[in-house]
Protein backbone atom coordinates (compact mmCIF):
# COMPACT_ATOMS: atom_id res chain seq x y z
CA MET A 1 11.47 -26.89 23.41
CA GLU A 2 7.44 -25.39 22.83
CA ALA A 3 5.65 -27.00 20.16
CA PRO A 4 5.50 -24.83 16.60
CA GLY A 5 2.19 -22.48 16.89
CA GLU A 6 2.78 -22.03 20.50
CA TYR A 7 4.35 -18.80 22.74
CA PRO A 8 6.54 -17.82 22.23
CA PHE A 9 6.13 -19.26 18.65
CA THR A 10 10.15 -19.75 18.27
CA ARG A 11 9.49 -22.79 15.84
CA GLY A 12 6.48 -20.55 13.90
CA ILE A 13 2.95 -18.89 14.71
CA GLN A 14 0.93 -22.18 13.19
CA PRO A 15 1.01 -25.80 14.41
CA THR A 16 1.82 -27.22 11.17
CA MET A 17 2.98 -24.45 8.92
CA TYR A 18 3.28 -24.82 5.34
CA ARG A 19 1.88 -28.59 5.61
CA GLY A 20 -1.11 -26.46 5.95
CA ARG A 21 -1.20 -23.51 3.86
CA LEU A 22 2.24 -22.21 1.96
CA TRP A 23 3.32 -18.71 2.58
CA THR A 24 2.02 -16.00 0.11
CA MET A 25 4.14 -15.24 -2.98
CA ARG A 26 4.11 -12.26 -3.81
CA GLN A 27 6.45 -10.23 -6.58
CA TYR A 28 7.34 -6.56 -5.95
CA ALA A 29 6.01 -4.88 -8.68
CA GLY A 30 5.15 -1.13 -10.38
CA PHE A 31 6.68 1.07 -13.07
CA GLY A 32 5.52 3.89 -15.52
CA THR A 33 1.78 4.22 -15.56
CA ALA A 34 -0.89 2.50 -14.06
CA ALA A 35 -1.59 0.32 -17.28
CA GLU A 36 2.04 -0.73 -17.79
CA SER A 37 1.84 -2.36 -14.26
CA ASN A 38 -1.47 -3.73 -14.23
CA ALA A 39 -0.21 -6.00 -17.24
CA ARG A 40 2.16 -6.67 -15.11
CA TYR A 41 0.06 -7.46 -12.68
CA ARG A 42 -2.07 -9.74 -14.82
CA TYR A 43 1.15 -11.63 -16.06
CA LEU A 44 2.49 -12.17 -12.26
CA LEU A 45 -1.11 -13.72 -12.04
CA ALA A 46 -1.60 -15.71 -14.34
CA GLN A 47 1.90 -17.04 -13.62
CA GLY A 48 0.83 -18.06 -10.30
CA VAL A 49 1.63 -15.47 -7.65
CA SER A 50 -0.84 -15.41 -4.85
CA GLY A 51 -0.42 -11.97 -3.66
CA LEU A 52 0.81 -8.50 -5.41
CA SER A 53 3.03 -6.23 -4.04
CA VAL A 54 2.75 -2.61 -5.54
CA ALA A 55 6.38 -0.40 -5.88
CA PHE A 56 5.27 3.59 -6.08
CA ASP A 57 7.54 5.76 -7.73
CA LEU A 58 9.32 8.44 -5.63
CA PRO A 59 6.95 11.21 -6.32
CA THR A 60 4.13 9.39 -4.97
CA GLN A 61 6.09 8.16 -2.13
CA ILE A 62 6.65 11.38 -1.15
CA GLY A 63 3.39 13.85 -1.66
CA TYR A 64 4.03 15.13 -5.22
CA ASP A 65 1.72 14.67 -8.15
CA SER A 66 3.55 14.17 -11.71
CA ASP A 67 2.95 17.56 -13.05
CA HIS A 68 5.12 18.74 -10.20
CA PRO A 69 8.25 20.46 -10.51
CA MET A 70 9.91 18.35 -7.74
CA ALA A 71 8.74 15.04 -9.49
CA ALA A 72 10.43 15.83 -12.47
CA GLY A 73 12.58 13.28 -14.02
CA GLU A 74 10.97 10.41 -11.39
CA VAL A 75 7.66 10.10 -12.66
CA GLY A 76 7.16 6.38 -13.30
CA ARG A 77 11.13 5.57 -12.33
CA VAL A 78 11.66 3.32 -9.17
CA GLY A 79 7.66 2.48 -8.82
CA VAL A 80 4.43 3.21 -10.48
CA ALA A 81 2.98 6.81 -10.48
CA ILE A 82 -0.25 7.15 -9.06
CA ASP A 83 -1.95 10.35 -8.60
CA SER A 84 -5.48 10.16 -8.31
CA ILE A 85 -8.37 7.90 -8.25
CA GLU A 86 -8.34 7.14 -12.21
CA ASP A 87 -4.62 6.19 -12.00
CA MET A 88 -5.94 3.37 -8.99
CA ALA A 89 -8.77 1.84 -11.02
CA VAL A 90 -6.84 1.50 -13.74
CA LEU A 91 -3.80 0.18 -11.87
CA PHE A 92 -6.32 -2.74 -10.77
CA ASP A 93 -8.42 -2.86 -13.64
CA GLN A 94 -9.85 -6.67 -14.16
CA ILE A 95 -7.88 -7.21 -10.78
CA PRO A 96 -10.95 -8.03 -8.44
CA LEU A 97 -9.69 -6.51 -4.84
CA ASP A 98 -12.05 -8.45 -3.05
CA ARG A 99 -10.46 -11.94 -4.14
CA VAL A 100 -6.38 -10.92 -4.48
CA SER A 101 -4.46 -9.65 -1.24
CA THR A 102 -2.50 -6.60 -2.25
CA SER A 103 0.40 -5.02 -0.05
CA MET A 104 1.48 -1.52 -0.79
CA THR A 105 4.89 -0.54 0.13
CA ILE A 106 3.82 2.97 1.09
CA ASN A 107 4.87 4.88 4.04
CA SER A 108 4.06 8.97 4.26
CA THR A 109 1.48 8.90 1.79
CA ALA A 110 -0.16 5.81 3.19
CA ILE A 111 -3.55 6.87 3.92
CA ILE A 112 -4.25 8.74 1.51
CA LEU A 113 -2.87 4.97 -1.14
CA LEU A 114 -4.91 3.06 1.15
CA ALA A 115 -8.01 5.83 0.65
CA LEU A 116 -7.58 5.04 -3.28
CA TYR A 117 -7.80 1.77 -2.90
CA VAL A 118 -10.59 1.44 -0.86
CA GLY A 119 -12.41 3.99 -2.90
CA VAL A 120 -11.35 1.98 -6.48
CA ALA A 121 -12.85 -0.93 -4.44
CA LYS A 122 -16.30 0.62 -3.64
CA ARG A 123 -16.34 1.22 -7.68
CA GLN A 124 -15.91 -2.32 -8.25
CA GLY A 125 -18.82 -3.38 -5.36
CA ALA A 126 -16.21 -5.11 -3.26
CA ARG A 127 -17.28 -5.26 0.72
CA LEU A 128 -14.79 -3.68 2.26
CA ASP A 129 -14.86 -6.81 4.52
CA ARG A 130 -13.45 -8.74 2.38
CA LEU A 131 -10.39 -6.78 1.61
CA ALA A 132 -7.16 -8.63 2.38
CA GLY A 133 -3.79 -6.67 1.99
CA THR A 134 -0.95 -4.48 3.98
CA ILE A 135 -0.04 -1.27 3.99
CA GLN A 136 3.51 -0.48 5.16
CA ASN A 137 2.70 2.43 6.93
CA ASP A 138 5.70 2.71 8.67
CA VAL A 139 7.43 5.86 8.77
CA LEU A 140 9.73 5.69 11.55
CA LYS A 141 11.83 3.41 9.69
CA GLU A 142 12.00 6.34 6.85
CA TYR A 143 13.55 8.53 9.50
CA ILE A 144 15.82 6.45 10.28
CA ALA A 145 17.03 4.82 6.95
CA ARG A 146 14.98 5.50 3.84
CA GLY A 147 14.06 9.22 4.11
CA THR A 148 10.82 9.33 2.18
CA PHE A 149 9.20 11.30 5.37
CA ILE A 150 7.12 14.18 4.89
CA TYR A 151 5.76 15.15 8.10
CA PRO A 152 7.44 15.40 11.57
CA PRO A 153 7.46 12.23 13.65
CA ARG A 154 4.76 12.80 16.02
CA ALA A 155 2.17 14.42 13.53
CA SER A 156 3.13 11.14 11.37
CA LEU A 157 2.95 8.89 14.53
CA ARG A 158 -1.35 10.86 14.52
CA ILE A 159 -1.77 9.81 10.93
CA ILE A 160 -1.08 6.11 11.59
CA THR A 161 -2.84 5.21 14.75
CA ASP A 162 -5.68 7.51 12.89
CA ILE A 163 -5.58 4.42 10.28
CA PHE A 164 -5.45 1.71 12.89
CA ALA A 165 -8.27 2.81 14.16
CA TRP A 166 -10.49 3.06 11.12
CA CYS A 167 -9.61 -0.21 9.45
CA GLU A 168 -10.02 -1.61 13.37
CA ARG A 169 -14.17 -0.78 11.99
CA GLU A 170 -13.84 -0.69 8.74
CA LEU A 171 -11.55 -2.95 7.29
CA PRO A 172 -11.24 -6.46 9.47
CA ASN A 173 -9.03 -8.31 7.34
CA TRP A 174 -6.42 -5.53 6.38
CA ASN A 175 -3.03 -5.23 8.15
CA THR A 176 -2.74 -1.96 8.97
CA ILE A 177 1.46 -1.86 9.07
CA SER A 178 4.03 -3.72 8.28
CA ILE A 179 6.69 -2.61 10.74
CA SER A 180 10.23 -2.85 8.21
CA GLY A 181 13.34 -4.05 8.93
CA TYR A 182 13.95 -4.23 5.16
CA HIS A 183 14.80 -0.81 4.94
CA ILE A 184 17.21 -0.92 8.30
CA ARG A 185 19.14 -3.78 6.71
CA GLU A 186 19.47 -2.47 2.89
CA ALA A 187 20.85 1.03 4.27
CA GLY A 188 23.46 -1.26 6.11
CA SER A 189 22.93 -2.40 9.52
CA THR A 190 23.56 -5.56 10.99
CA ALA A 191 21.32 -8.50 11.28
CA VAL A 192 20.88 -8.13 15.44
CA GLN A 193 20.43 -4.00 14.73
CA GLU A 194 17.68 -5.30 11.85
CA VAL A 195 15.92 -7.07 14.42
CA ALA A 196 16.34 -4.59 17.57
CA PHE A 197 15.38 -1.78 15.27
CA THR A 198 12.43 -2.64 13.90
CA LEU A 199 10.84 -3.87 16.99
CA ALA A 200 11.75 -0.57 18.97
CA ASN A 201 9.72 1.22 16.36
CA ALA A 202 7.21 -1.45 16.66
CA ILE A 203 7.00 -0.34 20.53
CA ALA A 204 6.70 3.11 19.71
CA TYR A 205 3.92 2.27 17.60
CA VAL A 206 2.22 -0.12 20.18
CA ASP A 207 2.74 2.65 22.69
CA ALA A 208 1.20 5.60 19.97
CA ALA A 209 -1.62 3.29 19.87
CA ARG A 210 -2.53 2.59 23.16
CA GLY A 211 -1.68 6.05 24.03
CA ALA A 212 -4.98 6.56 21.24
CA GLY A 213 -6.65 4.50 23.53
CA LEU A 214 -6.76 1.38 21.11
CA ASP A 215 -6.94 -2.29 22.75
CA VAL A 216 -3.52 -4.17 22.49
CA ASP A 217 -5.28 -7.63 22.40
CA SER A 218 -7.07 -6.64 19.11
CA PHE A 219 -5.12 -3.75 16.94
CA GLY A 220 -1.82 -6.10 17.67
CA GLN A 221 -3.66 -8.99 15.52
CA ARG A 222 -3.54 -6.82 12.57
CA LEU A 223 0.53 -5.63 12.99
CA SER A 224 2.68 -7.07 10.33
CA PHE A 225 6.39 -7.00 9.79
CA PHE A 226 8.99 -6.93 6.98
CA PHE A 227 12.66 -8.24 6.77
CA ALA A 228 15.14 -8.63 4.83
CA ALA A 229 17.05 -12.03 4.08
CA HIS A 230 21.05 -12.24 3.09
CA ASN A 231 23.11 -14.65 2.39
CA ASP A 232 24.09 -15.83 5.54
CA LEU A 233 21.86 -18.68 5.82
CA ILE A 234 22.10 -19.74 9.50
CA GLU A 235 22.38 -16.75 10.52
CA GLU A 236 19.12 -15.52 8.34
CA ILE A 237 17.24 -18.42 10.32
CA ALA A 238 18.02 -17.56 13.26
CA LYS A 239 17.27 -14.17 13.02
CA PHE A 240 13.45 -14.48 12.36
CA ARG A 241 13.46 -16.90 14.85
CA ALA A 242 15.06 -14.91 17.23
CA ALA A 243 12.67 -11.92 16.57
CA ARG A 244 9.48 -13.78 16.68
CA ARG A 245 10.74 -14.94 20.25
CA LEU A 246 11.07 -11.65 21.43
CA TRP A 247 8.44 -9.98 20.04
CA ALA A 248 6.14 -12.50 21.68
CA ARG A 249 7.85 -11.78 24.45
CA ILE A 250 7.74 -7.20 24.19
CA MET A 251 3.79 -7.94 23.29
CA LYS A 252 2.84 -10.57 26.92
CA GLU A 253 4.86 -8.50 29.72
CA ARG A 254 5.70 -5.18 28.17
CA PHE A 255 2.14 -4.36 26.79
CA GLY A 256 -0.27 -6.92 28.59
CA ALA A 257 -1.89 -8.90 25.31
CA THR A 258 -3.19 -11.74 26.07
CA HIS A 259 -4.66 -12.94 23.14
CA PRO A 260 -1.62 -15.42 21.17
CA LYS A 261 -2.64 -13.43 17.83
CA ALA A 262 -1.49 -10.53 18.93
CA GLN A 263 1.42 -11.60 20.60
CA GLN A 264 2.76 -13.66 17.04
CA LEU A 265 4.90 -11.52 14.92
CA ARG A 266 3.73 -12.16 11.18
CA PHE A 267 6.18 -11.33 8.40
CA HIS A 268 6.79 -10.65 4.86
CA THR A 269 10.51 -11.44 3.61
CA GLN A 270 12.07 -9.67 0.61
CA THR A 271 15.63 -11.50 -0.23
CA GLY A 272 18.58 -8.28 0.10
CA GLY A 273 18.52 -5.72 -2.75
CA SER A 274 21.76 -4.56 -1.37
CA THR A 275 23.77 -7.96 -2.42
CA LEU A 276 22.98 -8.36 -5.68
CA THR A 277 25.79 -7.45 -7.95
CA ALA A 278 25.98 -5.76 -11.57
CA GLN A 279 28.88 -7.69 -11.81
CA GLN A 280 28.07 -11.16 -13.07
CA PRO A 281 24.55 -10.30 -12.60
CA ASP A 282 23.36 -14.41 -12.86
CA ASN A 283 24.68 -14.96 -9.72
CA ASN A 284 22.52 -13.32 -8.62
CA ILE A 285 20.19 -15.89 -9.38
CA VAL A 286 21.84 -18.38 -6.88
CA ARG A 287 22.11 -15.18 -3.94
CA VAL A 288 18.08 -14.93 -4.52
CA ALA A 289 17.72 -19.31 -4.08
CA ILE A 290 19.50 -19.01 -0.82
CA GLN A 291 18.12 -15.68 0.83
CA ALA A 292 14.64 -17.64 0.40
CA LEU A 293 15.57 -20.50 1.60
CA ALA A 294 16.40 -19.09 4.60
CA ALA A 295 13.17 -16.73 5.09
CA VAL A 296 11.22 -20.22 4.24
CA LEU A 297 13.67 -21.83 6.84
CA GLY A 298 12.59 -18.88 9.16
CA GLY A 299 8.79 -19.22 9.20
CA THR A 300 8.06 -16.50 6.68
CA GLN A 301 4.40 -16.07 5.93
CA SER A 302 5.28 -14.14 2.59
CA LEU A 303 7.89 -13.73 0.17
CA HIS A 304 9.61 -11.68 -2.40
CA CYS A 305 12.49 -12.71 -4.52
CA ASN A 306 14.66 -9.81 -6.33
CA GLY A 307 14.78 -10.29 -10.26
CA ARG A 308 18.65 -10.73 -11.39
CA ASP A 309 19.04 -7.77 -13.25
CA GLU A 310 18.00 -5.58 -10.22
CA ALA A 311 21.34 -4.23 -9.71
CA LEU A 312 20.80 -2.66 -13.03
CA ALA A 313 16.89 -1.61 -13.62
CA LEU A 314 13.99 -2.52 -12.65
CA PRO A 315 13.18 -6.03 -13.23
CA THR A 316 12.19 -7.28 -16.85
CA GLU A 317 9.34 -9.88 -17.11
CA ASP A 318 11.67 -12.85 -17.56
CA ALA A 319 13.51 -11.89 -14.14
CA ALA A 320 10.41 -11.96 -12.76
CA ARG A 321 9.29 -14.77 -13.81
CA ILE A 322 12.81 -16.86 -12.96
CA ALA A 323 12.45 -15.14 -9.39
CA LEU A 324 8.73 -16.53 -9.01
CA ARG A 325 9.94 -20.23 -9.94
CA THR A 326 12.36 -19.39 -7.11
CA GLN A 327 10.11 -19.90 -4.49
CA GLN A 328 7.79 -22.34 -6.41
CA ILE A 329 10.83 -24.85 -6.77
CA ILE A 330 11.46 -24.49 -3.37
CA ALA A 331 7.51 -24.80 -2.04
CA ALA A 332 7.18 -27.72 -4.74
CA GLU A 333 10.46 -29.57 -5.01
CA SER A 334 12.55 -29.07 -1.94
CA GLY A 335 10.58 -30.44 0.67
CA VAL A 336 11.37 -28.01 3.08
CA ALA A 337 7.73 -26.95 3.23
CA ASN A 338 6.64 -30.74 4.58
CA THR A 339 7.96 -30.35 7.64
CA VAL A 340 7.39 -27.79 10.21
CA ASP A 341 10.48 -26.25 11.73
CA PRO A 342 13.06 -28.20 9.73
CA VAL A 343 15.97 -26.99 11.01
CA GLY A 344 14.54 -26.63 15.12
CA GLY A 345 17.52 -28.46 16.92
CA ALA A 346 20.03 -28.12 15.28
CA TRP A 347 22.92 -27.10 17.51
CA GLU A 348 24.37 -23.96 15.58
CA VAL A 349 20.69 -22.58 14.69
CA GLU A 350 19.72 -22.51 18.40
CA ARG A 351 22.92 -21.00 19.87
CA ARG A 352 22.81 -18.09 17.25
CA THR A 353 18.63 -18.06 18.04
CA ASP A 354 19.56 -17.06 21.34
CA GLU A 355 22.57 -15.20 20.83
CA ILE A 356 20.52 -12.68 17.98
CA GLU A 357 17.77 -12.21 20.68
CA LEU A 358 19.85 -11.38 23.62
CA ALA A 359 21.98 -8.90 21.71
CA ALA A 360 18.48 -7.13 20.28
CA GLU A 361 17.37 -6.73 23.62
CA ALA A 362 20.22 -5.64 24.66
CA LEU A 363 20.17 -2.74 21.86
CA ILE A 364 16.52 -2.35 22.72
CA LYS A 365 17.01 -1.68 26.55
CA SER A 366 19.31 1.00 25.50
CA ILE A 367 17.26 2.72 23.36
CA ASP A 368 14.51 2.64 25.83
CA ASP A 369 17.06 4.01 28.75
CA ALA A 370 17.73 6.86 26.21
CA GLY A 371 14.23 8.26 26.09
CA GLY A 372 12.70 5.91 23.27
CA THR A 373 12.39 5.15 19.71
CA LEU A 374 11.57 8.79 18.81
CA ALA A 375 14.13 10.61 21.16
CA ALA A 376 16.62 8.16 19.79
CA ILE A 377 15.50 9.11 16.03
CA GLU A 378 15.31 12.94 16.47
CA SER A 379 18.95 12.84 18.41
CA GLY A 380 20.60 10.60 15.44
CA ARG A 381 21.76 7.80 17.95
CA ILE A 382 19.88 5.31 15.79
CA GLN A 383 21.27 6.19 12.17
CA ARG A 384 24.99 6.87 13.48
CA GLN A 385 24.73 3.04 14.81
CA ILE A 386 23.75 2.08 11.29
CA GLN A 387 26.09 4.17 9.78
CA ASP A 388 29.10 3.22 10.89
CA ALA A 389 27.88 -0.93 10.51
CA ALA A 390 27.52 0.15 6.78
CA TYR A 391 31.11 1.43 6.73
CA ALA A 392 32.54 -1.47 8.99
CA ALA A 393 31.36 -4.15 5.84
CA GLN A 394 32.09 -2.09 2.92
CA GLN A 395 35.62 -1.82 4.52
CA ALA A 396 35.40 -5.42 4.95
CA ILE A 397 34.17 -5.73 0.94
CA ASP A 398 37.22 -3.68 0.36
CA SER A 399 39.64 -5.31 2.22
CA GLY A 400 38.86 -8.81 0.78
CA GLU A 401 38.01 -10.04 3.98
CA SER A 402 34.11 -10.55 3.35
CA VAL A 403 34.07 -11.94 -0.60
CA VAL A 404 31.58 -11.11 -2.96
CA VAL A 405 32.12 -12.95 -6.03
CA GLY A 406 32.20 -11.75 -8.85
CA VAL A 407 32.96 -8.21 -6.67
CA ASN A 408 36.36 -8.86 -5.31
CA ARG A 409 36.74 -12.54 -5.85
CA PHE A 410 36.61 -14.68 -9.57
CA GLN A 411 36.02 -11.65 -11.50
CA THR A 412 36.01 -11.76 -14.74
CA ASP A 413 36.55 -9.00 -17.90
CA ASP A 414 33.19 -9.41 -19.70
CA ALA A 415 30.18 -6.34 -19.69
CA PRO A 416 26.92 -7.85 -18.12
CA ALA A 417 24.99 -9.18 -21.62
CA ILE A 418 21.15 -9.39 -20.49
CA GLU A 419 18.16 -7.64 -21.62
CA LEU A 420 16.93 -4.16 -19.41
CA LEU A 421 13.80 -2.95 -18.79
CA ARG A 422 13.50 0.54 -20.04
CA ILE A 423 11.05 3.28 -18.84
CA ASP A 424 9.61 5.04 -21.58
CA PRO A 425 10.47 8.77 -20.75
CA ALA A 426 7.84 10.53 -22.71
CA GLY A 427 5.39 8.81 -20.18
CA GLU A 428 6.19 11.39 -17.38
CA ALA A 429 4.95 13.80 -20.18
CA ALA A 430 1.59 11.86 -20.66
CA GLN A 431 0.97 11.29 -16.96
CA ALA A 432 1.06 14.72 -16.25
CA ASP A 433 -1.47 15.19 -18.53
CA ARG A 434 -3.53 13.00 -17.04
CA THR A 435 -3.41 13.92 -13.52
CA ARG A 436 -4.33 17.94 -15.38
CA ALA A 437 -6.93 16.58 -17.24
CA VAL A 438 -8.67 14.99 -13.76
CA ARG A 439 -8.43 18.44 -12.37
CA ALA A 440 -10.04 19.65 -15.11
CA SER A 441 -13.16 17.95 -15.06
CA ARG A 442 -13.81 17.60 -11.82
CA ASP A 443 -16.89 19.05 -9.68
CA ARG A 444 -15.23 22.15 -8.31
CA ALA A 445 -17.14 22.74 -5.21
CA ALA A 446 -17.42 19.43 -4.04
CA TRP A 447 -13.60 18.63 -4.32
CA GLN A 448 -12.99 22.10 -2.23
CA LEU A 449 -15.19 21.06 0.04
CA ALA A 450 -13.69 17.79 0.09
CA ILE A 451 -10.28 19.21 0.67
CA ASP A 452 -11.44 21.60 3.46
CA ARG A 453 -12.76 18.84 5.04
CA VAL A 454 -9.43 16.88 5.37
CA GLY A 455 -7.33 20.67 6.86
CA ALA A 456 -10.06 20.65 9.24
CA ALA A 457 -9.46 16.64 10.47
CA ALA A 458 -6.28 17.35 11.11
CA LYS A 459 -6.56 20.49 12.88
CA ASP A 460 -9.80 19.30 15.35
CA GLY A 461 -8.07 15.67 16.01
CA SER A 462 -11.05 13.60 14.65
CA ASN A 463 -9.92 10.49 12.79
CA LEU A 464 -8.37 11.58 9.48
CA VAL A 465 -9.40 8.66 7.31
CA PRO A 466 -13.16 9.78 6.08
CA ALA A 467 -11.59 12.82 5.29
CA VAL A 468 -9.14 11.87 2.66
CA LEU A 469 -11.24 8.48 1.51
CA ALA A 470 -14.34 11.44 0.72
CA ALA A 471 -11.55 13.66 -0.78
CA VAL A 472 -10.05 11.31 -2.99
CA GLU A 473 -13.87 10.00 -4.09
CA ALA A 474 -14.03 13.63 -5.21
CA ARG A 475 -11.42 13.10 -6.89
CA ALA A 476 -8.15 15.11 -5.06
CA THR A 477 -5.14 14.17 -6.13
CA LEU A 478 -2.83 12.58 -3.87
CA GLY A 479 -0.63 15.48 -3.95
CA GLU A 480 -3.42 18.21 -2.97
CA VAL A 481 -4.04 15.64 -0.06
CA ALA A 482 -0.62 15.92 1.08
CA ASP A 483 -0.46 19.14 1.01
CA ALA A 484 -3.70 20.19 3.13
CA LEU A 485 -2.00 17.73 5.50
CA ARG A 486 1.50 19.97 5.12
CA THR A 487 -0.63 22.92 5.51
CA VAL A 488 -1.65 21.79 9.23
CA PHE A 489 1.40 19.44 10.24
CA GLY A 490 4.29 20.81 8.50
CA GLU A 491 7.17 19.63 6.90
CA TYR A 492 10.48 17.44 8.69
CA ARG A 493 13.57 18.54 8.62
CA GLU A 494 16.20 15.96 8.95
CA ARG A 495 19.28 17.31 11.45
CA ALA A 496 22.87 16.29 9.33
CA ILE A 497 24.09 13.15 10.92
């Protein structure tokens, strides 16, 4: 068996792993207004998080401003509402962007949120080459598992490769994509499908980037991944090890990457939201601890732990603190961070690592044989397989074959008695008013010129990022930039599966 830090990185991407540096402890957060979320971020930083992770509301994710009719009832509900550079400035008020790593879970509008982040960093006087963080920017999994897409797949790939190219020049320490298996798993996939479909998406991104003339040994170092951690401890550890080994081989053998960092699969993990239960929510603390331990034993670079109350609402401060303390206890008290790949060589771990790798590789080959990832998405092939797996899993729970404590065994009649986070509905109107005020107070001529340049760049094929950055700095709203791109690219309509 190879040593940790050596190709194909089964045992970890660093020779000393957490003995040299702990994983980044993030807590995914965002709700209501930018001011409310800023207060939560500053609280989490004070409690010891080492990186921020931003959740955006649905209108922000699909390119609608908070005063758009499509946004009604959703503003600030599942994340923070961001409509303009003024909102972004409030979101990071008193948080120096050149000294904190920020992950943004955003996909279809990733180019706009990246531009807003860069615009605020420039306002703060930060050097762009010191900005560190990640945008998820993984649109293909939206067509597969989530649905927050806007543009057709091929236009979305063009936006993504523009981001790759611009960040290579301007943001050398920024991870330009976080290729997500998390949402695939949350939609009901198996562990094997999570690995296979995630890496199949990654193959499509690498193909698109190479087609745009980018060097795999360069942009390959900025790729990152995002996986779920579920309850089967051994399976989850093996899944992470198998994914790392399989991706290293794909990059080396399929794409000819020679730089070790371009061969490495670096990943963030979030504990499994779909495993949490509304019944007996305190049980979720135990589930999350097991899942977090699996991620650490599997060699994650970054970790978020869900709150015990997230089957019922967004997490309270207390729930977020317990989730963070879970990571801190694993790091400081469990001893597992003191050994590199502490489960390496265990017979069952190694057997299941091999098993998952082979099964995922076979699934990827079937996608290749069907014409590649885009063809498999457009035909519904991948979506159908996930739906079949989700149905089988639910049948196992309904029959009692799969035990969920507190749901189909060891139930109680007591209703959960915990405090829940409530979003003030008055915040939606206030956010809409703020957005209208931005439109009313900006330089109209400068705004129009900037918006026109976004449309022109979309049409002529030039890199979109400079035009989008100039537009948001001219105080164009997120919805206006998204609409300028909609006019050129059109909108994608999903076929029924």
